[in-house]
Amino acid sequence: MNRDAIQKLYAHLDFVWPQIVRIISERDADVLTKPAPGSGWPDLRNCLAHLIFAYESWLGFMTARPPTNAGETVRTLAEIDEARASLRGQVDSLLQRLSDDDLQEIRTFDIRGEKMPYSYGELLAHVALHERGHHGDVTTLFWQLGIEADTGFDYRWHLGRQPL
């Protein structure tokens, strides 16, 4: 995956994330931990903390840095938002440091003790698509919690094109 495509994926995530934060922040503070039976997640906090865990894990694999377990410690929406912003900054920093050739070159990464062949571009795309996949979980959690949200999470809304 090339730099432009990766940056477009992350631009879409950065378009959706403030919507998620806004929708949650407009509710009572307990909405993060309110049980959501049938959603696949115990609550919104666990789903969003999982995103933090994934960013931190995959960035750790790419940079050979041990995780700090931020996904286990974030409790409030502000903490989740701050952790995501920091990790997204690390993605941007990594993208700036890597050349186009570095993004494409297959190399060996240590993924939980297993040597695996990937390119940085593939792993950065994986992290972005992982978050994007959980947007569906967030939507389901909203529905399970009775949150009627004017969500425009679809990529086409990010593109901002008007009908002809």
N, C-alpha and C. Protein backbone atom coordinates (compact mmCIF):
# COMPACT_ATOMS: atom_id res chain seq x y z
N MET A 1 0.86 -1.17 0.00
CA MET A 1 0.00 0.00 0.00
C MET A 1 0.91 1.23 0.00
N ASN A 2 0.55 2.20 -0.82
CA ASN A 2 1.41 3.39 -0.93
C ASN A 2 1.02 4.47 0.09
N ARG A 3 1.90 5.44 0.25
CA ARG A 3 1.73 6.51 1.24
C ARG A 3 0.39 7.24 1.08
N ASP A 4 0.05 7.61 -0.15
CA ASP A 4 -1.19 8.36 -0.39
C ASP A 4 -2.41 7.58 0.07
N ALA A 5 -2.46 6.31 -0.25
CA ALA A 5 -3.60 5.48 0.16
C ALA A 5 -3.67 5.34 1.68
N ILE A 6 -2.52 5.16 2.30
CA ILE A 6 -2.49 5.04 3.77
C ILE A 6 -2.96 6.34 4.41
N GLN A 7 -2.48 7.46 3.90
CA GLN A 7 -2.88 8.75 4.45
C GLN A 7 -4.38 9.00 4.26
N LYS A 8 -4.93 8.53 3.14
CA LYS A 8 -6.38 8.67 2.93
C LYS A 8 -7.17 7.84 3.93
N LEU A 9 -6.69 6.64 4.23
CA LEU A 9 -7.36 5.81 5.24
C LEU A 9 -7.38 6.53 6.58
N TYR A 10 -6.23 7.06 6.98
CA TYR A 10 -6.16 7.74 8.28
C TYR A 10 -6.94 9.05 8.28
N ALA A 11 -7.01 9.73 7.16
CA ALA A 11 -7.83 10.95 7.08
C ALA A 11 -9.29 10.62 7.32
N HIS A 12 -9.74 9.48 6.79
CA HIS A 12 -11.13 9.07 7.03
C HIS A 12 -11.34 8.76 8.51
N LEU A 13 -10.41 8.06 9.13
CA LEU A 13 -10.53 7.76 10.56
C LEU A 13 -10.59 9.05 11.37
N ASP A 14 -9.77 10.02 10.98
CA ASP A 14 -9.74 11.29 11.69
C ASP A 14 -10.98 12.14 11.43
N PHE A 15 -11.72 11.82 10.39
CA PHE A 15 -13.01 12.44 10.12
C PHE A 15 -14.08 11.83 11.04
N VAL A 16 -14.02 10.52 11.24
CA VAL A 16 -15.03 9.81 12.03
C VAL A 16 -14.80 9.98 13.53
N TRP A 17 -13.55 9.94 13.97
CA TRP A 17 -13.27 9.94 15.40
C TRP A 17 -13.93 11.10 16.14
N PRO A 18 -13.83 12.35 15.69
CA PRO A 18 -14.49 13.44 16.43
C PRO A 18 -16.02 13.25 16.52
N GLN A 19 -16.60 12.61 15.54
CA GLN A 19 -18.04 12.33 15.61
C GLN A 19 -18.35 11.37 16.75
N ILE A 20 -17.53 10.33 16.88
CA ILE A 20 -17.71 9.36 17.96
C ILE A 20 -17.58 10.06 19.30
N VAL A 21 -16.53 10.86 19.45
CA VAL A 21 -16.28 11.58 20.70
C VAL A 21 -17.44 12.52 21.00
N ARG A 22 -17.90 13.25 20.00
CA ARG A 22 -19.01 14.20 20.21
C ARG A 22 -20.26 13.48 20.65
N ILE A 23 -20.61 12.41 19.97
CA ILE A 23 -21.84 11.68 20.29
C ILE A 23 -21.80 11.15 21.72
N ILE A 24 -20.67 10.61 22.12
CA ILE A 24 -20.54 10.07 23.47
C ILE A 24 -20.54 11.20 24.49
N SER A 25 -19.83 12.28 24.19
CA SER A 25 -19.72 13.39 25.16
C SER A 25 -21.05 14.10 25.38
N GLU A 26 -21.98 13.96 24.46
CA GLU A 26 -23.29 14.58 24.61
C GLU A 26 -24.22 13.76 25.52
N ARG A 27 -23.75 12.61 25.99
CA ARG A 27 -24.54 11.75 26.86
C ARG A 27 -23.99 11.81 28.28
N ASP A 28 -24.72 11.17 29.19
CA ASP A 28 -24.24 11.06 30.56
C ASP A 28 -22.92 10.30 30.59
N ALA A 29 -22.09 10.60 31.57
CA ALA A 29 -20.75 9.98 31.67
C ALA A 29 -20.82 8.47 31.76
N ASP A 30 -21.92 7.92 32.32
CA ASP A 30 -22.01 6.47 32.47
C ASP A 30 -22.26 5.73 31.16
N VAL A 31 -22.47 6.47 30.06
CA VAL A 31 -22.72 5.80 28.79
C VAL A 31 -21.53 4.95 28.36
N LEU A 32 -20.33 5.32 28.77
CA LEU A 32 -19.14 4.54 28.41
C LEU A 32 -19.15 3.15 29.02
N THR A 33 -19.71 3.02 30.20
CA THR A 33 -19.66 1.75 30.92
C THR A 33 -21.03 1.10 31.07
N LYS A 34 -22.02 1.67 30.45
CA LYS A 34 -23.37 1.10 30.51
C LYS A 34 -23.38 -0.21 29.72
N PRO A 35 -23.86 -1.30 30.31
CA PRO A 35 -23.88 -2.59 29.60
C PRO A 35 -24.68 -2.50 28.30
N ALA A 36 -24.16 -3.17 27.28
CA ALA A 36 -24.81 -3.18 25.97
C ALA A 36 -24.97 -4.63 25.51
N PRO A 37 -25.91 -5.36 26.11
CA PRO A 37 -26.10 -6.77 25.75
C PRO A 37 -26.39 -6.93 24.26
N GLY A 38 -25.80 -7.94 23.68
CA GLY A 38 -26.06 -8.24 22.27
C GLY A 38 -25.16 -7.50 21.31
N SER A 39 -24.28 -6.65 21.81
CA SER A 39 -23.43 -5.87 20.93
C SER A 39 -22.13 -6.59 20.59
N GLY A 40 -21.76 -7.57 21.39
CA GLY A 40 -20.48 -8.23 21.23
C GLY A 40 -19.41 -7.63 22.12
N TRP A 41 -19.69 -6.47 22.71
CA TRP A 41 -18.79 -5.81 23.65
C TRP A 41 -19.55 -5.57 24.94
N PRO A 42 -18.87 -5.63 26.08
CA PRO A 42 -19.61 -5.35 27.32
C PRO A 42 -20.10 -3.90 27.39
N ASP A 43 -19.30 -2.98 26.78
CA ASP A 43 -19.67 -1.57 26.82
C ASP A 43 -18.80 -0.80 25.82
N LEU A 44 -19.12 0.47 25.66
CA LEU A 44 -18.37 1.33 24.74
C LEU A 44 -16.91 1.48 25.15
N ARG A 45 -16.66 1.62 26.44
CA ARG A 45 -15.29 1.81 26.90
C ARG A 45 -14.40 0.66 26.47
N ASN A 46 -14.88 -0.56 26.62
CA ASN A 46 -14.07 -1.71 26.23
C ASN A 46 -13.78 -1.71 24.73
N CYS A 47 -14.75 -1.36 23.94
CA CYS A 47 -14.56 -1.32 22.49
C CYS A 47 -13.52 -0.26 22.12
N LEU A 48 -13.65 0.93 22.68
CA LEU A 48 -12.72 2.02 22.36
C LEU A 48 -11.33 1.76 22.95
N ALA A 49 -11.28 1.15 24.13
CA ALA A 49 -9.98 0.80 24.72
C ALA A 49 -9.28 -0.24 23.85
N HIS A 50 -10.05 -1.11 23.22
CA HIS A 50 -9.46 -2.11 22.32
C HIS A 50 -8.75 -1.42 21.14
N LEU A 51 -9.32 -0.33 20.65
CA LEU A 51 -8.65 0.43 19.58
C LEU A 51 -7.30 0.95 20.05
N ILE A 52 -7.25 1.44 21.28
CA ILE A 52 -6.00 1.94 21.84
C ILE A 52 -5.00 0.78 21.94
N PHE A 53 -5.46 -0.35 22.45
CA PHE A 53 -4.61 -1.53 22.56
C PHE A 53 -4.04 -1.94 21.20
N ALA A 54 -4.88 -1.93 20.18
CA ALA A 54 -4.44 -2.34 18.85
C ALA A 54 -3.39 -1.38 18.29
N TYR A 55 -3.67 -0.08 18.37
CA TYR A 55 -2.68 0.90 17.90
C TYR A 55 -1.35 0.67 18.60
N GLU A 56 -1.41 0.58 19.92
CA GLU A 56 -0.19 0.45 20.69
C GLU A 56 0.55 -0.85 20.35
N SER A 57 -0.18 -1.94 20.22
CA SER A 57 0.44 -3.23 19.90
C SER A 57 1.13 -3.19 18.55
N TRP A 58 0.41 -2.76 17.52
CA TRP A 58 0.98 -2.79 16.17
C TRP A 58 2.10 -1.77 16.00
N LEU A 59 1.97 -0.61 16.62
CA LEU A 59 3.09 0.34 16.58
C LEU A 59 4.30 -0.25 17.29
N GLY A 60 4.07 -0.98 18.37
CA GLY A 60 5.16 -1.64 19.07
C GLY A 60 5.84 -2.68 18.20
N PHE A 61 5.06 -3.45 17.44
CA PHE A 61 5.65 -4.45 16.54
C PHE A 61 6.49 -3.76 15.46
N MET A 62 6.01 -2.61 14.97
CA MET A 62 6.71 -1.92 13.89
C MET A 62 7.97 -1.20 14.37
N THR A 63 7.98 -0.81 15.64
CA THR A 63 9.12 -0.02 16.15
C THR A 63 9.94 -0.78 17.18
N ALA A 64 9.56 -2.02 17.44
CA ALA A 64 10.25 -2.87 18.44
C ALA A 64 10.24 -2.23 19.83
N ARG A 65 9.15 -1.51 20.13
CA ARG A 65 8.99 -0.90 21.46
C ARG A 65 7.99 -1.73 22.26
N PRO A 66 8.27 -1.94 23.54
CA PRO A 66 7.29 -2.67 24.36
C PRO A 66 6.07 -1.80 24.61
N PRO A 67 4.89 -2.43 24.69
CA PRO A 67 3.66 -1.65 24.95
C PRO A 67 3.63 -1.12 26.38
N THR A 68 2.87 -0.06 26.57
CA THR A 68 2.68 0.50 27.91
C THR A 68 1.33 0.07 28.50
N ASN A 69 0.59 -0.71 27.73
CA ASN A 69 -0.73 -1.20 28.15
C ASN A 69 -1.73 -0.09 28.37
N ALA A 70 -1.66 0.95 27.54
CA ALA A 70 -2.58 2.08 27.64
C ALA A 70 -4.03 1.62 27.47
N GLY A 71 -4.25 0.62 26.64
CA GLY A 71 -5.61 0.13 26.42
C GLY A 71 -6.26 -0.41 27.68
N GLU A 72 -5.44 -0.85 28.63
CA GLU A 72 -5.98 -1.38 29.89
C GLU A 72 -6.21 -0.28 30.93
N THR A 73 -5.64 0.89 30.73
CA THR A 73 -5.71 1.92 31.76
C THR A 73 -6.65 3.07 31.44
N VAL A 74 -7.05 3.21 30.19
CA VAL A 74 -7.95 4.32 29.85
C VAL A 74 -9.34 4.04 30.40
N ARG A 75 -9.88 5.00 31.08
CA ARG A 75 -11.19 4.82 31.72
C ARG A 75 -12.22 5.83 31.23
N THR A 76 -11.79 7.06 30.98
CA THR A 76 -12.72 8.12 30.61
C THR A 76 -12.62 8.39 29.12
N LEU A 77 -13.61 9.06 28.59
CA LEU A 77 -13.57 9.45 27.18
C LEU A 77 -12.38 10.35 26.91
N ALA A 78 -12.08 11.26 27.83
CA ALA A 78 -10.92 12.15 27.65
C ALA A 78 -9.63 11.35 27.58
N GLU A 79 -9.48 10.34 28.42
CA GLU A 79 -8.27 9.51 28.40
C GLU A 79 -8.17 8.72 27.10
N ILE A 80 -9.28 8.20 26.65
CA ILE A 80 -9.31 7.44 25.40
C ILE A 80 -8.94 8.36 24.24
N ASP A 81 -9.55 9.53 24.21
CA ASP A 81 -9.29 10.49 23.13
C ASP A 81 -7.82 10.93 23.14
N GLU A 82 -7.29 11.20 24.32
CA GLU A 82 -5.88 11.62 24.44
C GLU A 82 -4.94 10.49 24.00
N ALA A 83 -5.22 9.26 24.40
CA ALA A 83 -4.37 8.13 24.02
C ALA A 83 -4.41 7.92 22.51
N ARG A 84 -5.60 8.02 21.92
CA ARG A 84 -5.70 7.84 20.48
C ARG A 84 -4.93 8.94 19.76
N ALA A 85 -5.05 10.18 20.22
CA ALA A 85 -4.34 11.29 19.57
C ALA A 85 -2.83 11.06 19.63
N SER A 86 -2.34 10.61 20.75
CA SER A 86 -0.91 10.34 20.89
C SER A 86 -0.47 9.22 19.94
N LEU A 87 -1.24 8.16 19.89
CA LEU A 87 -0.89 7.03 19.02
C LEU A 87 -1.02 7.39 17.55
N ARG A 88 -2.03 8.17 17.20
CA ARG A 88 -2.17 8.64 15.81
C ARG A 88 -0.98 9.52 15.44
N GLY A 89 -0.51 10.31 16.39
CA GLY A 89 0.69 11.11 16.15
C GLY A 89 1.90 10.23 15.87
N GLN A 90 1.98 9.10 16.55
CA GLN A 90 3.06 8.16 16.31
C GLN A 90 2.96 7.54 14.91
N VAL A 91 1.73 7.27 14.46
CA VAL A 91 1.55 6.77 13.10
C VAL A 91 2.05 7.81 12.10
N ASP A 92 1.65 9.06 12.29
CA ASP A 92 2.08 10.13 11.38
C ASP A 92 3.60 10.29 11.40
N SER A 93 4.19 10.20 12.57
CA SER A 93 5.64 10.31 12.69
C SER A 93 6.34 9.17 11.95
N LEU A 94 5.82 7.98 12.11
CA LEU A 94 6.40 6.83 11.41
C LEU A 94 6.26 7.01 9.90
N LEU A 95 5.11 7.46 9.45
CA LEU A 95 4.90 7.70 8.01
C LEU A 95 5.87 8.75 7.48
N GLN A 96 6.15 9.77 8.26
CA GLN A 96 7.09 10.81 7.83
C GLN A 96 8.52 10.30 7.75
N ARG A 97 8.88 9.40 8.67
CA ARG A 97 10.25 8.88 8.71
C ARG A 97 10.54 7.85 7.62
N LEU A 98 9.50 7.14 7.18
CA LEU A 98 9.71 6.06 6.20
C LEU A 98 9.69 6.59 4.78
N SER A 99 10.61 6.12 3.97
CA SER A 99 10.61 6.48 2.55
C SER A 99 9.52 5.64 1.85
N ASP A 100 9.22 6.01 0.63
CA ASP A 100 8.25 5.22 -0.15
C ASP A 100 8.72 3.79 -0.30
N ASP A 101 10.04 3.60 -0.51
CA ASP A 101 10.59 2.25 -0.62
C ASP A 101 10.45 1.49 0.69
N ASP A 102 10.69 2.16 1.81
CA ASP A 102 10.55 1.51 3.12
C ASP A 102 9.11 1.04 3.35
N LEU A 103 8.15 1.83 2.90
CA LEU A 103 6.74 1.45 3.07
C LEU A 103 6.40 0.17 2.32
N GLN A 104 7.07 -0.06 1.20
CA GLN A 104 6.74 -1.20 0.33
C GLN A 104 7.59 -2.45 0.61
N GLU A 105 8.77 -2.26 1.17
CA GLU A 105 9.69 -3.38 1.35
C GLU A 105 9.18 -4.38 2.37
N ILE A 106 9.15 -5.65 1.98
CA ILE A 106 8.77 -6.71 2.91
C ILE A 106 9.96 -6.98 3.82
N ARG A 107 9.69 -6.97 5.09
CA ARG A 107 10.73 -7.26 6.08
C ARG A 107 10.14 -8.17 7.15
N THR A 108 10.94 -8.62 8.05
CA THR A 108 10.48 -9.53 9.09
C THR A 108 10.16 -8.74 10.36
N PHE A 109 8.96 -8.92 10.86
CA PHE A 109 8.53 -8.30 12.12
C PHE A 109 8.29 -9.40 13.14
N ASP A 110 8.61 -9.11 14.38
CA ASP A 110 8.34 -10.03 15.47
C ASP A 110 6.95 -9.73 16.01
N ILE A 111 6.00 -10.61 15.70
CA ILE A 111 4.61 -10.43 16.13
C ILE A 111 4.35 -11.47 17.22
N ARG A 112 4.42 -11.02 18.45
CA ARG A 112 4.20 -11.90 19.61
C ARG A 112 5.07 -13.15 19.57
N GLY A 113 6.35 -12.95 19.23
CA GLY A 113 7.30 -14.05 19.21
C GLY A 113 7.38 -14.83 17.91
N GLU A 114 6.53 -14.50 16.96
CA GLU A 114 6.55 -15.17 15.66
C GLU A 114 7.11 -14.21 14.61
N LYS A 115 8.04 -14.68 13.81
CA LYS A 115 8.63 -13.86 12.75
C LYS A 115 7.68 -13.88 11.55
N MET A 116 7.24 -12.68 11.15
CA MET A 116 6.23 -12.57 10.09
C MET A 116 6.67 -11.58 9.02
N PRO A 117 6.45 -11.91 7.73
CA PRO A 117 6.84 -11.00 6.64
C PRO A 117 5.72 -10.01 6.28
N TYR A 118 5.99 -8.74 6.49
CA TYR A 118 5.07 -7.67 6.14
C TYR A 118 5.87 -6.46 5.69
N SER A 119 5.18 -5.53 5.05
CA SER A 119 5.77 -4.21 4.82
C SER A 119 5.16 -3.26 5.85
N TYR A 120 5.86 -2.15 6.10
CA TYR A 120 5.28 -1.13 6.97
C TYR A 120 3.94 -0.66 6.40
N GLY A 121 3.87 -0.51 5.09
CA GLY A 121 2.63 -0.07 4.47
C GLY A 121 1.48 -1.02 4.76
N GLU A 122 1.74 -2.32 4.69
CA GLU A 122 0.69 -3.30 4.98
C GLU A 122 0.23 -3.19 6.44
N LEU A 123 1.19 -3.05 7.34
CA LEU A 123 0.83 -2.99 8.76
C LEU A 123 0.12 -1.68 9.11
N LEU A 124 0.55 -0.59 8.53
CA LEU A 124 -0.14 0.68 8.77
C LEU A 124 -1.56 0.65 8.21
N ALA A 125 -1.73 0.02 7.06
CA ALA A 125 -3.08 -0.14 6.50
C ALA A 125 -3.91 -1.06 7.39
N HIS A 126 -3.29 -2.12 7.91
CA HIS A 126 -4.00 -3.04 8.80
C HIS A 126 -4.54 -2.31 10.03
N VAL A 127 -3.71 -1.48 10.64
CA VAL A 127 -4.14 -0.74 11.83
C VAL A 127 -5.32 0.17 11.50
N ALA A 128 -5.24 0.85 10.37
CA ALA A 128 -6.33 1.75 9.96
C ALA A 128 -7.61 0.96 9.69
N LEU A 129 -7.49 -0.13 8.97
CA LEU A 129 -8.68 -0.93 8.65
C LEU A 129 -9.24 -1.60 9.91
N HIS A 130 -8.38 -1.91 10.86
CA HIS A 130 -8.85 -2.46 12.13
C HIS A 130 -9.76 -1.46 12.84
N GLU A 131 -9.29 -0.20 12.94
CA GLU A 131 -10.14 0.81 13.58
C GLU A 131 -11.43 0.98 12.79
N ARG A 132 -11.30 1.04 11.48
CA ARG A 132 -12.50 1.23 10.64
C ARG A 132 -13.51 0.11 10.87
N GLY A 133 -13.02 -1.11 11.02
CA GLY A 133 -13.92 -2.24 11.27
C GLY A 133 -14.69 -2.07 12.56
N HIS A 134 -14.05 -1.50 13.56
CA HIS A 134 -14.73 -1.32 14.85
C HIS A 134 -15.70 -0.14 14.84
N HIS A 135 -15.70 0.66 13.80
CA HIS A 135 -16.74 1.69 13.69
C HIS A 135 -18.12 1.04 13.64
N GLY A 136 -18.19 -0.12 13.02
CA GLY A 136 -19.46 -0.86 13.00
C GLY A 136 -19.87 -1.29 14.40
N ASP A 137 -18.88 -1.70 15.20
CA ASP A 137 -19.19 -2.06 16.59
C ASP A 137 -19.71 -0.85 17.35
N VAL A 138 -19.08 0.30 17.13
CA VAL A 138 -19.52 1.53 17.82
C VAL A 138 -20.96 1.85 17.42
N THR A 139 -21.27 1.73 16.15
CA THR A 139 -22.64 1.98 15.69
C THR A 139 -23.61 1.01 16.36
N THR A 140 -23.24 -0.26 16.45
CA THR A 140 -24.09 -1.25 17.11
C THR A 140 -24.24 -0.92 18.59
N LEU A 141 -23.16 -0.54 19.23
CA LEU A 141 -23.23 -0.15 20.64
C LEU A 141 -24.16 1.04 20.82
N PHE A 142 -24.06 2.03 19.95
CA PHE A 142 -24.97 3.17 20.03
C PHE A 142 -26.41 2.68 19.95
N TRP A 143 -26.69 1.82 19.00
CA TRP A 143 -28.06 1.32 18.82
C TRP A 143 -28.51 0.56 20.05
N GLN A 144 -27.65 -0.33 20.57
CA GLN A 144 -27.99 -1.12 21.76
C GLN A 144 -28.24 -0.23 22.98
N LEU A 145 -27.57 0.91 23.03
CA LEU A 145 -27.71 1.83 24.16
C LEU A 145 -28.82 2.86 23.94
N GLY A 146 -29.52 2.75 22.81
CA GLY A 146 -30.61 3.67 22.53
C GLY A 146 -30.15 5.05 22.10
N ILE A 147 -28.94 5.12 21.59
CA ILE A 147 -28.40 6.40 21.13
C ILE A 147 -28.74 6.58 19.67
N GLU A 148 -29.58 7.56 19.41
CA GLU A 148 -29.89 7.89 18.02
C GLU A 148 -28.90 8.95 17.59
N ALA A 149 -27.95 8.51 16.80
CA ALA A 149 -26.88 9.41 16.40
C ALA A 149 -26.95 9.68 14.90
N ASP A 150 -26.67 10.90 14.56
CA ASP A 150 -26.64 11.28 13.14
C ASP A 150 -25.26 10.95 12.59
N THR A 151 -24.93 9.66 12.61
CA THR A 151 -23.58 9.24 12.23
C THR A 151 -23.38 9.32 10.73
N GLY A 152 -22.31 9.92 10.35
CA GLY A 152 -21.87 9.96 8.97
C GLY A 152 -20.50 9.30 8.89
N PHE A 153 -20.44 8.03 9.32
CA PHE A 153 -19.17 7.33 9.38
C PHE A 153 -18.72 6.81 8.02
N ASP A 154 -19.63 6.69 7.07
CA ASP A 154 -19.27 6.12 5.78
C ASP A 154 -18.23 6.99 5.07
N TYR A 155 -17.40 6.31 4.30
CA TYR A 155 -16.32 6.99 3.58
C TYR A 155 -16.87 8.08 2.65
N ARG A 156 -18.03 7.85 2.06
CA ARG A 156 -18.56 8.84 1.13
C ARG A 156 -18.85 10.17 1.82
N TRP A 157 -19.20 10.14 3.11
CA TRP A 157 -19.43 11.40 3.83
C TRP A 157 -18.11 12.12 4.05
N HIS A 158 -17.06 11.36 4.24
CA HIS A 158 -15.73 11.94 4.38
C HIS A 158 -15.32 12.65 3.08
N LEU A 159 -15.69 12.05 1.96
CA LEU A 159 -15.34 12.65 0.68
C LEU A 159 -16.05 13.98 0.47
N GLY A 160 -17.22 14.15 1.11
CA GLY A 160 -17.92 15.42 1.07
C GLY A 160 -18.51 15.79 -0.28
N ARG A 161 -18.68 14.81 -1.13
CA ARG A 161 -19.25 15.11 -2.45
C ARG A 161 -20.75 15.29 -2.35
N GLN A 162 -21.24 16.23 -3.09
CA GLN A 162 -22.66 16.51 -3.14
C GLN A 162 -23.29 15.73 -4.31
N PRO A 163 -24.56 15.38 -4.20
CA PRO A 163 -25.21 14.71 -5.33
C PRO A 163 -25.20 15.60 -6.57
N LEU A 164 -25.18 14.97 -7.73
CA LEU A 164 -25.19 15.73 -8.99
C LEU A 164 -26.55 16.35 -9.23
